[in-house]
Amino acid sequence: MAKILIADDNKQITMILSSYVKKEGYEVLIAYDGEQALELFSAHRKDIVMVLLDVMMPKLDGFDVCKALRKVSMVPIIMITARGEDYDKIMGLDIGADDYVVKPFSAGEVMARVRSVLRRMGGGAANVNKNTYKVGNLFIDLDRYTVEVDGQNVPLTKKEIELLWTMAKNSTKVFSRDNLLDSLWGYDYEGDSRTVDSHIKRLRAKLEKYPHPDWDIKTIWGVGYRFEVAKETAK
């Protein structure tokens, strides 16, 4: 069964969030400090689809836990904390968190963000193992966060994979920079559209090392970007 790991030393918060998580159809794992969070993740890694991670915890804080998780997994992470300064938000996102919620919060809002993050990554309780996409010689596996071209692994960052996945799964859509910024970094991200341009540039540079005549990332001048599939391949 798909599990969500809640790491927070406040037992009242974990109790409330657990209730909402269970209503969404997930099993709950609870950690009350950073070390316990890493131990539980290691023990249940294959089933965990989301981590709700408090920043101010004993033993290891949330930032350290997030960094440790990112060394071994691309599991979605939402930071939950009383620290609402822009610096802390940006730091959390930069080290690999997918979203950031500031206390006090409503549990309904947290679950809405959980659904949003899982939806944009194609995941959820019902389809944890269906996160793959193939076109031509391109294969994306969002469960393992891997991208292959002609069977060769392409070394991409988490955000580059999410960017490619989002556009490839919606190949008929032209994405504006703001669309991609909101979808992948969150509506309250403090960066600007140049963040998208720089990620697209790096993604293209890595993909250009491999032949891909059946698909490409196209710039639609004055609008944004589109993942384009050759007509013969799309049939």
Protein backbone atom coordinates (compact mmCIF):
# COMPACT_ATOMS: atom_id res chain seq x y z
CA MET A 1 0.00 0.00 0.00
CA ALA A 2 1.23 3.51 -0.81
CA LYS A 3 2.55 5.29 2.26
CA ILE A 4 3.13 8.91 3.28
CA LEU A 5 5.86 9.60 5.84
CA ILE A 6 5.09 12.43 8.28
CA ALA A 7 8.13 13.74 10.17
CA ASP A 8 7.31 16.27 12.91
CA ASP A 9 8.06 16.33 16.64
CA ASN A 10 4.65 17.90 17.39
CA LYS A 11 2.34 14.95 18.14
CA GLN A 12 -0.82 17.03 17.74
CA ILE A 13 0.22 17.99 14.21
CA THR A 14 1.12 14.41 13.26
CA MET A 15 -2.22 13.20 14.63
CA ILE A 16 -4.21 15.73 12.57
CA LEU A 17 -2.21 15.15 9.38
CA SER A 18 -2.42 11.37 9.84
CA SER A 19 -6.20 11.56 9.92
CA TYR A 20 -6.32 13.49 6.65
CA VAL A 21 -3.71 11.29 4.97
CA LYS A 22 -5.69 8.14 5.82
CA LYS A 23 -8.85 9.69 4.36
CA GLU A 24 -6.94 10.10 1.08
CA GLY A 25 -6.31 6.37 1.01
CA TYR A 26 -2.67 6.25 2.14
CA GLU A 27 -0.99 4.39 4.96
CA VAL A 28 0.82 6.63 7.46
CA LEU A 29 4.34 6.43 8.85
CA ILE A 30 5.26 8.85 11.66
CA ALA A 31 8.70 10.03 12.76
CA TYR A 32 9.30 12.40 15.67
CA ASP A 33 12.90 13.30 14.85
CA GLY A 34 15.18 13.46 11.82
CA GLU A 35 17.05 10.23 12.49
CA GLN A 36 13.82 8.27 12.88
CA ALA A 37 12.57 9.79 9.61
CA LEU A 38 15.59 8.46 7.72
CA GLU A 39 15.28 5.05 9.39
CA LEU A 40 11.60 4.73 8.46
CA PHE A 41 12.28 5.88 4.92
CA SER A 42 15.03 3.31 4.53
CA ALA A 43 12.76 0.54 5.83
CA HIS A 44 9.73 1.45 3.68
CA ARG A 45 11.35 3.21 0.73
CA LYS A 46 9.64 1.24 -2.04
CA ASP A 47 6.15 2.12 -0.71
CA ILE A 48 6.62 5.79 0.28
CA VAL A 49 5.13 8.20 -2.27
CA MET A 50 5.45 11.44 -0.26
CA VAL A 51 7.32 12.89 2.73
CA LEU A 52 5.81 15.69 4.84
CA LEU A 53 8.85 17.09 6.59
CA ASP A 54 9.07 19.57 9.45
CA VAL A 55 12.20 21.74 9.56
CA MET A 56 12.69 22.17 13.31
CA MET A 57 13.15 18.61 14.60
CA PRO A 58 15.47 16.99 17.17
CA LYS A 59 18.68 15.15 16.18
CA LEU A 60 18.52 16.14 12.48
CA ASP A 61 16.58 19.11 11.18
CA GLY A 62 14.39 18.96 8.11
CA PHE A 63 16.96 20.54 5.83
CA ASP A 64 19.51 17.85 6.72
CA VAL A 65 16.91 15.12 6.27
CA CYS A 66 15.91 16.54 2.89
CA LYS A 67 19.55 16.59 1.75
CA ALA A 68 20.04 13.00 2.93
CA LEU A 69 16.90 11.82 1.14
CA ARG A 70 17.94 13.52 -2.08
CA LYS A 71 21.17 11.55 -2.11
CA VAL A 72 19.22 8.30 -2.42
CA SER A 73 15.74 9.16 -3.70
CA MET A 74 13.62 11.60 -5.69
CA VAL A 75 10.54 11.00 -3.53
CA PRO A 76 8.30 14.12 -3.39
CA ILE A 77 8.97 16.22 -0.28
CA ILE A 78 6.82 18.98 1.20
CA MET A 79 8.50 21.02 3.94
CA ILE A 80 6.22 22.03 6.84
CA THR A 81 7.58 24.58 9.26
CA ALA A 82 7.00 27.63 11.41
CA ARG A 83 9.89 29.38 9.69
CA GLY A 84 8.34 31.48 6.96
CA GLU A 85 11.24 33.68 5.90
CA ASP A 86 11.87 33.81 2.15
CA TYR A 87 15.44 32.59 2.68
CA ASP A 88 14.20 29.40 4.36
CA LYS A 89 11.63 28.77 1.61
CA ILE A 90 14.20 29.24 -1.13
CA MET A 91 16.74 27.07 0.68
CA GLY A 92 14.21 24.27 1.11
CA LEU A 93 13.29 24.34 -2.58
CA ASP A 94 16.90 24.62 -3.70
CA ILE A 95 18.00 21.53 -1.75
CA GLY A 96 15.26 19.45 -3.34
CA ALA A 97 11.91 20.03 -1.63
CA ASP A 98 8.92 20.12 -3.97
CA ASP A 99 6.75 22.50 -1.95
CA TYR A 100 6.75 24.48 1.30
CA VAL A 101 3.93 25.07 3.82
CA VAL A 102 4.24 27.52 6.70
CA LYS A 103 2.63 26.97 10.12
CA PRO A 104 -0.05 27.66 11.15
CA PHE A 105 -1.74 25.85 8.28
CA SER A 106 -4.94 23.96 7.58
CA ALA A 107 -4.62 20.23 7.09
CA GLY A 108 -6.88 20.63 4.07
CA GLU A 109 -4.36 22.96 2.45
CA VAL A 110 -1.53 20.51 3.10
CA MET A 111 -3.48 17.68 1.47
CA ALA A 112 -4.35 19.90 -1.48
CA ARG A 113 -0.63 20.48 -1.98
CA VAL A 114 0.04 16.75 -1.62
CA ARG A 115 -2.50 16.04 -4.36
CA SER A 116 -1.05 18.78 -6.53
CA VAL A 117 2.54 17.53 -6.25
CA LEU A 118 1.56 13.90 -6.86
CA ARG A 119 -0.69 14.89 -9.76
CA ARG A 120 2.01 16.81 -11.59
CA MET A 121 4.36 13.86 -11.12
CA GLY A 122 1.75 11.38 -12.28
CA GLY A 123 1.69 9.58 -8.94
CA GLY A 124 -0.82 8.69 -6.27
CA ALA A 125 -2.22 5.82 -4.27
CA ALA A 126 -3.89 4.25 -7.28
CA ASN A 127 -1.10 4.53 -9.83
CA VAL A 128 2.23 4.50 -8.04
CA ASN A 129 3.70 2.07 -10.57
CA LYS A 130 2.36 3.63 -13.78
CA ASN A 131 4.71 6.58 -14.06
CA THR A 132 6.41 5.77 -17.34
CA TYR A 133 6.37 7.40 -20.75
CA LYS A 134 7.86 6.24 -24.04
CA VAL A 135 8.07 7.91 -27.43
CA GLY A 136 10.58 6.99 -30.13
CA ASN A 137 13.87 6.22 -28.41
CA LEU A 138 12.96 8.19 -25.26
CA PHE A 139 11.91 6.40 -22.08
CA ILE A 140 11.05 8.25 -18.85
CA ASP A 141 10.49 6.36 -15.60
CA LEU A 142 9.22 8.72 -12.91
CA ASP A 143 9.17 6.00 -10.26
CA ARG A 144 12.93 5.60 -10.56
CA TYR A 145 13.51 9.18 -11.78
CA THR A 146 15.48 7.98 -14.78
CA VAL A 147 15.57 9.01 -18.42
CA GLU A 148 16.95 6.81 -21.19
CA VAL A 149 17.62 7.52 -24.86
CA ASP A 150 18.36 4.48 -27.01
CA GLY A 151 18.70 2.50 -23.79
CA GLN A 152 21.42 4.79 -22.44
CA ASN A 153 20.87 6.55 -19.13
CA VAL A 154 20.81 10.35 -19.44
CA PRO A 155 22.15 12.01 -16.25
CA LEU A 156 19.53 14.65 -15.45
CA THR A 157 18.64 16.50 -12.26
CA LYS A 158 15.28 16.03 -10.53
CA LYS A 159 13.88 19.28 -11.91
CA GLU A 160 15.14 18.52 -15.43
CA ILE A 161 13.38 15.15 -15.34
CA GLU A 162 10.16 16.76 -14.07
CA LEU A 163 10.42 19.42 -16.75
CA LEU A 164 10.87 16.83 -19.51
CA TRP A 165 8.10 14.65 -18.06
CA THR A 166 5.60 17.52 -17.82
CA MET A 167 6.14 18.62 -21.42
CA ALA A 168 6.39 15.12 -22.91
CA LYS A 169 3.16 13.96 -21.26
CA ASN A 170 1.41 17.03 -22.70
CA SER A 171 3.02 17.15 -26.13
CA THR A 172 0.08 18.96 -27.74
CA LYS A 173 0.37 21.87 -25.30
CA VAL A 174 2.56 24.95 -25.53
CA PHE A 175 3.80 25.87 -22.05
CA SER A 176 4.49 29.47 -21.17
CA ARG A 177 7.39 30.11 -18.82
CA ASP A 178 4.93 31.07 -16.09
CA ASN A 179 3.01 27.79 -16.65
CA LEU A 180 6.16 25.77 -16.08
CA LEU A 181 7.33 27.93 -13.19
CA ASP A 182 4.01 27.52 -11.34
CA SER A 183 3.72 23.80 -12.13
CA LEU A 184 7.23 22.74 -11.20
CA TRP A 185 8.44 25.29 -8.65
CA GLY A 186 5.13 26.30 -7.06
CA TYR A 187 3.14 29.50 -7.32
CA ASP A 188 4.94 31.10 -4.37
CA TYR A 189 8.48 30.42 -5.64
CA GLU A 190 10.54 33.59 -5.41
CA GLY A 191 12.41 33.07 -8.71
CA ASP A 192 11.39 34.31 -12.14
CA SER A 193 10.94 33.00 -15.68
CA ARG A 194 14.69 32.98 -16.27
CA THR A 195 14.78 29.95 -13.98
CA VAL A 196 12.76 28.05 -16.60
CA ASP A 197 14.98 29.25 -19.47
CA SER A 198 18.16 28.16 -17.70
CA HIS A 199 16.74 24.71 -16.93
CA ILE A 200 15.54 24.27 -20.52
CA LYS A 201 18.98 25.28 -21.78
CA ARG A 202 20.75 22.72 -19.56
CA LEU A 203 18.19 20.02 -20.39
CA ARG A 204 18.63 20.56 -24.12
CA ALA A 205 22.42 20.51 -23.84
CA LYS A 206 22.30 17.12 -22.14
CA LEU A 207 19.76 15.65 -24.58
CA GLU A 208 21.66 16.92 -27.62
CA LYS A 209 24.40 14.40 -26.87
CA TYR A 210 21.99 11.65 -27.98
CA PRO A 211 20.24 11.30 -31.37
CA HIS A 212 16.51 12.00 -31.12
CA PRO A 213 15.01 12.47 -34.59
CA ASP A 214 11.51 11.52 -33.40
CA TRP A 215 11.09 14.20 -30.74
CA ASP A 216 12.51 17.51 -29.55
CA ILE A 217 11.93 20.47 -27.25
CA LYS A 218 10.87 23.40 -29.41
CA THR A 219 10.88 27.09 -28.58
CA ILE A 220 7.62 28.80 -29.55
CA TRP A 221 8.78 32.37 -29.87
CA GLY A 222 6.83 34.85 -27.82
CA VAL A 223 4.99 32.06 -25.98
CA GLY A 224 7.20 29.41 -24.41
CA TYR A 225 8.13 25.78 -25.06
CA ARG A 226 6.59 22.60 -26.46
CA PHE A 227 7.64 18.96 -26.59
CA GLU A 228 7.25 18.06 -30.26
CA VAL A 229 6.82 14.51 -31.56
CA ALA A 230 7.43 13.68 -35.23
CA LYS A 231 4.16 12.99 -37.02
CA GLU A 232 5.27 9.51 -38.10
CA THR A 233 6.12 8.63 -34.50
CA ALA A 234 2.87 10.04 -33.12
CA LYS A 235 0.70 7.86 -35.38
